[in-house]
Amino acid sequence: MTKTIDIIKAKTQLSKLLSLALKGNEVIITEGKKPLAKIIPVLPSKKTRIAGLNRGKIWTSNDFDEPLLRRFWTRAL
């Protein structure tokens, strides 16, 4: 279900709108007929990250944070 609500009304009904979104509904906030934002729930990550899993597979050059040459910025693509 999609709930569309004007921003003026949304200001007074935020708790209700959040509850709707957490139940899986799409909530669109509008200004007149112009859509402004969508409220969606933040879902927890399903994957557990493991520190050091790809150790040694990625490298950074010694000049990584040096300024780029002027020709890099002026070269046409």
PDB file of N, CA and C in Angstrom:
ATOM      1  N   MET A   1       0.839  -1.181   0.000  1.00  0.00           N
ATOM      2  CA  MET A   1       0.000   0.000   0.000  1.00  0.00           C
ATOM      3  C   MET A   1       0.886   1.246   0.000  1.00  0.00           C
ATOM      4  N   THR A   2       0.486   2.229  -0.757  1.00  0.00           N
ATOM      5  CA  THR A   2       1.212   3.494  -0.792  1.00  0.00           C
ATOM      6  C   THR A   2       0.358   4.578  -0.152  1.00  0.00           C
ATOM      7  N   LYS A   3       0.967   5.312   0.759  1.00  0.00           N
ATOM      8  CA  LYS A   3       0.293   6.432   1.432  1.00  0.00           C
ATOM      9  C   LYS A   3       0.965   7.714   0.954  1.00  0.00           C
ATOM     10  N   THR A   4       0.202   8.610   0.382  1.00  0.00           N
ATOM     11  CA  THR A   4       0.716   9.902  -0.054  1.00  0.00           C
ATOM     12  C   THR A   4       0.122  10.965   0.849  1.00  0.00           C
ATOM     13  N   ILE A   5       0.998  11.843   1.364  1.00  0.00           N
ATOM     14  CA  ILE A   5       0.540  12.860   2.321  1.00  0.00           C
ATOM     15  C   ILE A   5       1.289  14.171   2.085  1.00  0.00           C
ATOM     16  N   ASP A   6       0.590  15.268   2.228  1.00  0.00           N
ATOM     17  CA  ASP A   6       1.199  16.584   2.063  1.00  0.00           C
ATOM     18  C   ASP A   6       2.124  16.879   3.246  1.00  0.00           C
ATOM     19  N   ILE A   7       3.163  17.621   2.997  1.00  0.00           N
ATOM     20  CA  ILE A   7       4.181  17.900   4.013  1.00  0.00           C
ATOM     21  C   ILE A   7       3.602  18.594   5.247  1.00  0.00           C
ATOM     22  N   ILE A   8       2.610  19.436   5.065  1.00  0.00           N
ATOM     23  CA  ILE A   8       1.989  20.127   6.200  1.00  0.00           C
ATOM     24  C   ILE A   8       1.345  19.111   7.152  1.00  0.00           C
ATOM     25  N   LYS A   9       0.601  18.152   6.604  1.00  0.00           N
ATOM     26  CA  LYS A   9      -0.022  17.122   7.433  1.00  0.00           C
ATOM     27  C   LYS A   9       1.006  16.143   7.974  1.00  0.00           C
ATOM     28  N   ALA A  10       2.045  15.878   7.203  1.00  0.00           N
ATOM     29  CA  ALA A  10       3.068  14.917   7.620  1.00  0.00           C
ATOM     30  C   ALA A  10       3.782  15.380   8.890  1.00  0.00           C
ATOM     31  N   LYS A  11       3.934  16.682   9.050  1.00  0.00           N
ATOM     32  CA  LYS A  11       4.611  17.213  10.235  1.00  0.00           C
ATOM     33  C   LYS A  11       3.906  16.815  11.527  1.00  0.00           C
ATOM     34  N   THR A  12       2.592  16.683  11.477  1.00  0.00           N
ATOM     35  CA  THR A  12       1.842  16.349  12.684  1.00  0.00           C
ATOM     36  C   THR A  12       1.584  14.848  12.815  1.00  0.00           C
ATOM     37  N   GLN A  13       1.914  14.062  11.788  1.00  0.00           N
ATOM     38  CA  GLN A  13       1.624  12.636  11.811  1.00  0.00           C
ATOM     39  C   GLN A  13       2.870  11.774  11.620  1.00  0.00           C
ATOM     40  N   LEU A  14       4.024  12.276  11.987  1.00  0.00           N
ATOM     41  CA  LEU A  14       5.273  11.561  11.728  1.00  0.00           C
ATOM     42  C   LEU A  14       5.294  10.170  12.355  1.00  0.00           C
ATOM     43  N   SER A  15       4.874  10.047  13.593  1.00  0.00           N
ATOM     44  CA  SER A  15       4.883   8.734  14.269  1.00  0.00           C
ATOM     45  C   SER A  15       4.026   7.725  13.508  1.00  0.00           C
ATOM     46  N   LYS A  16       2.859   8.150  13.085  1.00  0.00           N
ATOM     47  CA  LYS A  16       1.954   7.271  12.332  1.00  0.00           C
ATOM     48  C   LYS A  16       2.583   6.873  11.000  1.00  0.00           C
ATOM     49  N   LEU A  17       3.213   7.815  10.325  1.00  0.00           N
ATOM     50  CA  LEU A  17       3.833   7.537   9.033  1.00  0.00           C
ATOM     51  C   LEU A  17       5.007   6.575   9.179  1.00  0.00           C
ATOM     52  N   LEU A  18       5.785   6.743  10.245  1.00  0.00           N
ATOM     53  CA  LEU A  18       6.892   5.821  10.492  1.00  0.00           C
ATOM     54  C   LEU A  18       6.380   4.418  10.764  1.00  0.00           C
ATOM     55  N   SER A  19       5.303   4.298  11.515  1.00  0.00           N
ATOM     56  CA  SER A  19       4.715   2.986  11.787  1.00  0.00           C
ATOM     57  C   SER A  19       4.264   2.314  10.499  1.00  0.00           C
ATOM     58  N   LEU A  20       3.647   3.081   9.609  1.00  0.00           N
ATOM     59  CA  LEU A  20       3.223   2.538   8.319  1.00  0.00           C
ATOM     60  C   LEU A  20       4.424   2.027   7.515  1.00  0.00           C
ATOM     61  N   ALA A  21       5.484   2.818   7.479  1.00  0.00           N
ATOM     62  CA  ALA A  21       6.680   2.432   6.729  1.00  0.00           C
ATOM     63  C   ALA A  21       7.313   1.173   7.311  1.00  0.00           C
ATOM     64  N   LEU A  22       7.364   1.071   8.628  1.00  0.00           N
ATOM     65  CA  LEU A  22       7.956  -0.102   9.279  1.00  0.00           C
ATOM     66  C   LEU A  22       7.144  -1.367   9.026  1.00  0.00           C
ATOM     67  N   LYS A  23       5.883  -1.211   8.691  1.00  0.00           N
ATOM     68  CA  LYS A  23       5.039  -2.360   8.364  1.00  0.00           C
ATOM     69  C   LYS A  23       5.125  -2.730   6.887  1.00  0.00           C
ATOM     70  N   GLY A  24       5.972  -2.030   6.139  1.00  0.00           N
ATOM     71  CA  GLY A  24       6.169  -2.365   4.730  1.00  0.00           C
ATOM     72  C   GLY A  24       5.441  -1.486   3.743  1.00  0.00           C
ATOM     73  N   ASN A  25       4.767  -0.462   4.218  1.00  0.00           N
ATOM     74  CA  ASN A  25       4.056   0.448   3.325  1.00  0.00           C
ATOM     75  C   ASN A  25       4.994   1.526   2.804  1.00  0.00           C
ATOM     76  N   GLU A  26       4.704   2.009   1.615  1.00  0.00           N
ATOM     77  CA  GLU A  26       5.476   3.105   1.046  1.00  0.00           C
ATOM     78  C   GLU A  26       4.789   4.407   1.435  1.00  0.00           C
ATOM     79  N   VAL A  27       5.545   5.359   1.970  1.00  0.00           N
ATOM     80  CA  VAL A  27       4.997   6.646   2.378  1.00  0.00           C
ATOM     81  C   VAL A  27       5.683   7.738   1.562  1.00  0.00           C
ATOM     82  N   ILE A  28       4.895   8.460   0.777  1.00  0.00           N
ATOM     83  CA  ILE A  28       5.407   9.540  -0.068  1.00  0.00           C
ATOM     84  C   ILE A  28       4.945  10.869   0.518  1.00  0.00           C
ATOM     85  N   ILE A  29       5.903  11.772   0.746  1.00  0.00           N
ATOM     86  CA  ILE A  29       5.578  13.112   1.242  1.00  0.00           C
ATOM     87  C   ILE A  29       5.624  14.068   0.053  1.00  0.00           C
ATOM     88  N   THR A  30       4.565  14.849  -0.097  1.00  0.00           N
ATOM     89  CA  THR A  30       4.463  15.750  -1.243  1.00  0.00           C
ATOM     90  C   THR A  30       4.303  17.202  -0.794  1.00  0.00           C
ATOM     91  N   GLU A  31       4.534  18.078  -1.747  1.00  0.00           N
ATOM     92  CA  GLU A  31       4.226  19.501  -1.570  1.00  0.00           C
ATOM     93  C   GLU A  31       3.329  19.860  -2.741  1.00  0.00           C
ATOM     94  N   GLY A  32       2.038  19.955  -2.462  1.00  0.00           N
ATOM     95  CA  GLY A  32       1.079  20.067  -3.559  1.00  0.00           C
ATOM     96  C   GLY A  32       1.048  18.721  -4.273  1.00  0.00           C
ATOM     97  N   LYS A  33       1.336  18.721  -5.570  1.00  0.00           N
ATOM     98  CA  LYS A  33       1.378  17.464  -6.329  1.00  0.00           C
ATOM     99  C   LYS A  33       2.807  16.991  -6.574  1.00  0.00           C
ATOM    100  N   LYS A  34       3.772  17.757  -6.096  1.00  0.00           N
ATOM    101  CA  LYS A  34       5.182  17.437  -6.323  1.00  0.00           C
ATOM    102  C   LYS A  34       5.713  16.514  -5.218  1.00  0.00           C
ATOM    103  N   PRO A  35       6.161  15.296  -5.566  1.00  0.00           N
ATOM    104  CA  PRO A  35       6.751  14.407  -4.554  1.00  0.00           C
ATOM    105  C   PRO A  35       8.076  14.972  -4.043  1.00  0.00           C
ATOM    106  N   LEU A  36       8.265  14.932  -2.716  1.00  0.00           N
ATOM    107  CA  LEU A  36       9.491  15.445  -2.108  1.00  0.00           C
ATOM    108  C   LEU A  36      10.379  14.342  -1.552  1.00  0.00           C
ATOM    109  N   ALA A  37       9.750  13.372  -0.874  1.00  0.00           N
ATOM    110  CA  ALA A  37      10.548  12.352  -0.191  1.00  0.00           C
ATOM    111  C   ALA A  37       9.740  11.078  -0.022  1.00  0.00           C
ATOM    112  N   LYS A  38      10.472   9.992   0.241  1.00  0.00           N
ATOM    113  CA  LYS A  38       9.851   8.705   0.524  1.00  0.00           C
ATOM    114  C   LYS A  38      10.382   8.215   1.863  1.00  0.00           C
ATOM    115  N   ILE A  39       9.497   7.746   2.727  1.00  0.00           N
ATOM    116  CA  ILE A  39       9.923   7.177   4.006  1.00  0.00           C
ATOM    117  C   ILE A  39       9.978   5.661   3.838  1.00  0.00           C
ATOM    118  N   ILE A  40      11.152   5.102   4.102  1.00  0.00           N
ATOM    119  CA  ILE A  40      11.335   3.656   4.033  1.00  0.00           C
ATOM    120  C   ILE A  40      12.067   3.195   5.287  1.00  0.00           C
ATOM    121  N   PRO A  41      11.857   1.962   5.710  1.00  0.00           N
ATOM    122  CA  PRO A  41      12.556   1.485   6.904  1.00  0.00           C
ATOM    123  C   PRO A  41      14.022   1.178   6.612  1.00  0.00           C
ATOM    124  N   VAL A  42      14.846   1.314   7.624  1.00  0.00           N
ATOM    125  CA  VAL A  42      16.246   0.927   7.521  1.00  0.00           C
ATOM    126  C   VAL A  42      16.325  -0.520   7.962  1.00  0.00           C
ATOM    127  N   LEU A  43      16.747  -1.384   7.048  1.00  0.00           N
ATOM    128  CA  LEU A  43      16.810  -2.806   7.358  1.00  0.00           C
ATOM    129  C   LEU A  43      18.213  -3.167   7.830  1.00  0.00           C
ATOM    130  N   PRO A  44      18.313  -4.044   8.804  1.00  0.00           N
ATOM    131  CA  PRO A  44      19.637  -4.449   9.274  1.00  0.00           C
ATOM    132  C   PRO A  44      20.378  -5.229   8.185  1.00  0.00           C
ATOM    133  N   SER A  45      21.682  -5.116   8.183  1.00  0.00           N
ATOM    134  CA  SER A  45      22.502  -5.831   7.217  1.00  0.00           C
ATOM    135  C   SER A  45      22.407  -7.322   7.484  1.00  0.00           C
ATOM    136  N   LYS A  46      22.259  -8.105   6.430  1.00  0.00           N
ATOM    137  CA  LYS A  46      22.140  -9.550   6.579  1.00  0.00           C
ATOM    138  C   LYS A  46      23.500 -10.220   6.663  1.00  0.00           C
ATOM    139  N   LYS A  47      24.531  -9.539   6.167  1.00  0.00           N
ATOM    140  CA  LYS A  47      25.857 -10.125   6.157  1.00  0.00           C
ATOM    141  C   LYS A  47      26.688  -9.602   7.318  1.00  0.00           C
ATOM    142  N   THR A  48      27.457 -10.477   7.911  1.00  0.00           N
ATOM    143  CA  THR A  48      28.384 -10.082   8.956  1.00  0.00           C
ATOM    144  C   THR A  48      29.726  -9.790   8.299  1.00  0.00           C
ATOM    145  N   ARG A  49      30.264  -8.628   8.573  1.00  0.00           N
ATOM    146  CA  ARG A  49      31.551  -8.264   8.000  1.00  0.00           C
ATOM    147  C   ARG A  49      32.674  -8.847   8.850  1.00  0.00           C
ATOM    148  N   ILE A  50      33.697  -9.341   8.170  1.00  0.00           N
ATOM    149  CA  ILE A  50      34.829  -9.946   8.859  1.00  0.00           C
ATOM    150  C   ILE A  50      36.065  -9.099   8.587  1.00  0.00           C
ATOM    151  N   ALA A  51      36.633  -8.520   9.633  1.00  0.00           N
ATOM    152  CA  ALA A  51      37.809  -7.667   9.481  1.00  0.00           C
ATOM    153  C   ALA A  51      38.991  -8.498   8.975  1.00  0.00           C
ATOM    154  N   GLY A  52      39.721  -7.964   7.995  1.00  0.00           N
ATOM    155  CA  GLY A  52      40.924  -8.616   7.498  1.00  0.00           C
ATOM    156  C   GLY A  52      40.664  -9.735   6.515  1.00  0.00           C
ATOM    157  N   LEU A  53      39.444  -9.929   6.085  1.00  0.00           N
ATOM    158  CA  LEU A  53      39.104 -11.026   5.192  1.00  0.00           C
ATOM    159  C   LEU A  53      39.859 -10.949   3.864  1.00  0.00           C
ATOM    160  N   ASN A  54      40.041  -9.754   3.326  1.00  0.00           N
ATOM    161  CA  ASN A  54      40.719  -9.584   2.035  1.00  0.00           C
ATOM    162  C   ASN A  54      42.111  -8.979   2.186  1.00  0.00           C
ATOM    163  N   ARG A  55      42.720  -9.199   3.303  1.00  0.00           N
ATOM    164  CA  ARG A  55      44.046  -8.650   3.565  1.00  0.00           C
ATOM    165  C   ARG A  55      45.028  -9.077   2.462  1.00  0.00           C
ATOM    166  N   GLY A  56      45.764  -8.098   1.909  1.00  0.00           N
ATOM    167  CA  GLY A  56      46.761  -8.371   0.879  1.00  0.00           C
ATOM    168  C   GLY A  56      46.205  -8.411  -0.531  1.00  0.00           C
ATOM    169  N   LYS A  57      44.901  -8.330  -0.711  1.00  0.00           N
ATOM    170  CA  LYS A  57      44.312  -8.381  -2.047  1.00  0.00           C
ATOM    171  C   LYS A  57      44.116  -6.988  -2.639  1.00  0.00           C
ATOM    172  N   ILE A  58      44.187  -5.973  -1.816  1.00  0.00           N
ATOM    173  CA  ILE A  58      44.021  -4.591  -2.261  1.00  0.00           C
ATOM    174  C   ILE A  58      45.272  -3.821  -1.868  1.00  0.00           C
ATOM    175  N   TRP A  59      45.740  -2.964  -2.767  1.00  0.00           N
ATOM    176  CA  TRP A  59      46.914  -2.162  -2.448  1.00  0.00           C
ATOM    177  C   TRP A  59      46.682  -0.721  -2.866  1.00  0.00           C
ATOM    178  N   THR A  60      47.425   0.171  -2.280  1.00  0.00           N
ATOM    179  CA  THR A  60      47.368   1.584  -2.606  1.00  0.00           C
ATOM    180  C   THR A  60      48.770   2.032  -2.963  1.00  0.00           C
ATOM    181  N   SER A  61      48.880   2.745  -4.082  1.00  0.00           N
ATOM    182  CA  SER A  61      50.208   3.202  -4.507  1.00  0.00           C
ATOM    183  C   SER A  61      50.753   4.235  -3.525  1.00  0.00           C
ATOM    184  N   ASN A  62      52.060   4.393  -3.522  1.00  0.00           N
ATOM    185  CA  ASN A  62      52.704   5.336  -2.603  1.00  0.00           C
ATOM    186  C   ASN A  62      52.292   6.776  -2.858  1.00  0.00           C
ATOM    187  N   ASP A  63      51.926   7.101  -4.110  1.00  0.00           N
ATOM    188  CA  ASP A  63      51.544   8.475  -4.438  1.00  0.00           C
ATOM    189  C   ASP A  63      50.015   8.660  -4.447  1.00  0.00           C
ATOM    190  N   PHE A  64      49.296   7.810  -3.788  1.00  0.00           N
ATOM    191  CA  PHE A  64      47.834   7.841  -3.793  1.00  0.00           C
ATOM    192  C   PHE A  64      47.248   9.216  -3.458  1.00  0.00           C
ATOM    193  N   ASP A  65      47.783   9.868  -2.437  1.00  0.00           N
ATOM    194  CA  ASP A  65      47.202  11.145  -2.016  1.00  0.00           C
ATOM    195  C   ASP A  65      47.988  12.365  -2.493  1.00  0.00           C
ATOM    196  N   GLU A  66      48.838  12.174  -3.495  1.00  0.00           N
ATOM    197  CA  GLU A  66      49.548  13.304  -4.098  1.00  0.00           C
ATOM    198  C   GLU A  66      48.604  14.036  -5.049  1.00  0.00           C
ATOM    199  N   PRO A  67      48.790  15.338  -5.237  1.00  0.00           N
ATOM    200  CA  PRO A  67      47.950  16.080  -6.190  1.00  0.00           C
ATOM    201  C   PRO A  67      48.110  15.513  -7.602  1.00  0.00           C
ATOM    202  N   LEU A  68      47.030  15.516  -8.362  1.00  0.00           N
ATOM    203  CA  LEU A  68      47.084  15.054  -9.743  1.00  0.00           C
ATOM    204  C   LEU A  68      47.743  16.115 -10.611  1.00  0.00           C
ATOM    205  N   LEU A  69      48.367  15.666 -11.695  1.00  0.00           N
ATOM    206  CA  LEU A  69      49.035  16.595 -12.606  1.00  0.00           C
ATOM    207  C   LEU A  69      48.019  17.497 -13.289  1.00  0.00           C
ATOM    208  N   ARG A  70      48.453  18.699 -13.659  1.00  0.00           N
ATOM    209  CA  ARG A  70      47.565  19.663 -14.312  1.00  0.00           C
ATOM    210  C   ARG A  70      46.962  19.094 -15.586  1.00  0.00           C
ATOM    211  N   ARG A  71      47.717  18.292 -16.329  1.00  0.00           N
ATOM    212  CA  ARG A  71      47.199  17.754 -17.577  1.00  0.00           C
ATOM    213  C   ARG A  71      46.022  16.797 -17.346  1.00  0.00           C
ATOM    214  N   PHE A  72      45.968  16.203 -16.186  1.00  0.00           N
ATOM    215  CA  PHE A  72      44.814  15.352 -15.867  1.00  0.00           C
ATOM    216  C   PHE A  72      43.529  16.162 -15.888  1.00  0.00           C
ATOM    217  N   TRP A  73      43.547  17.359 -15.332  1.00  0.00           N
ATOM    218  CA  TRP A  73      42.356  18.194 -15.221  1.00  0.00           C
ATOM    219  C   TRP A  73      42.021  18.932 -16.518  1.00  0.00           C
ATOM    220  N   THR A  74      43.003  19.142 -17.394  1.00  0.00           N
ATOM    221  CA  THR A  74      42.760  19.915 -18.604  1.00  0.00           C
ATOM    222  C   THR A  74      42.590  19.049 -19.850  1.00  0.00           C
ATOM    223  N   ARG A  75      42.809  17.766 -19.739  1.00  0.00           N
ATOM    224  CA  ARG A  75      42.711  16.858 -20.887  1.00  0.00           C
ATOM    225  C   ARG A  75      41.248  16.687 -21.274  1.00  0.00           C
ATOM    226  N   ALA A  76      40.975  16.802 -22.572  1.00  0.00           N
ATOM    227  CA  ALA A  76      39.610  16.589 -23.067  1.00  0.00           C
ATOM    228  C   ALA A  76      39.353  15.087 -23.187  1.00  0.00           C
ATOM    229  N   LEU A  77      38.138  14.681 -22.874  1.00  0.00           N
ATOM    230  CA  LEU A  77      37.795  13.261 -22.963  1.00  0.00           C
ATOM    231  C   LEU A  77      37.272  12.890 -24.309  1.00  0.00           C
TER     232      LEU A  77
END
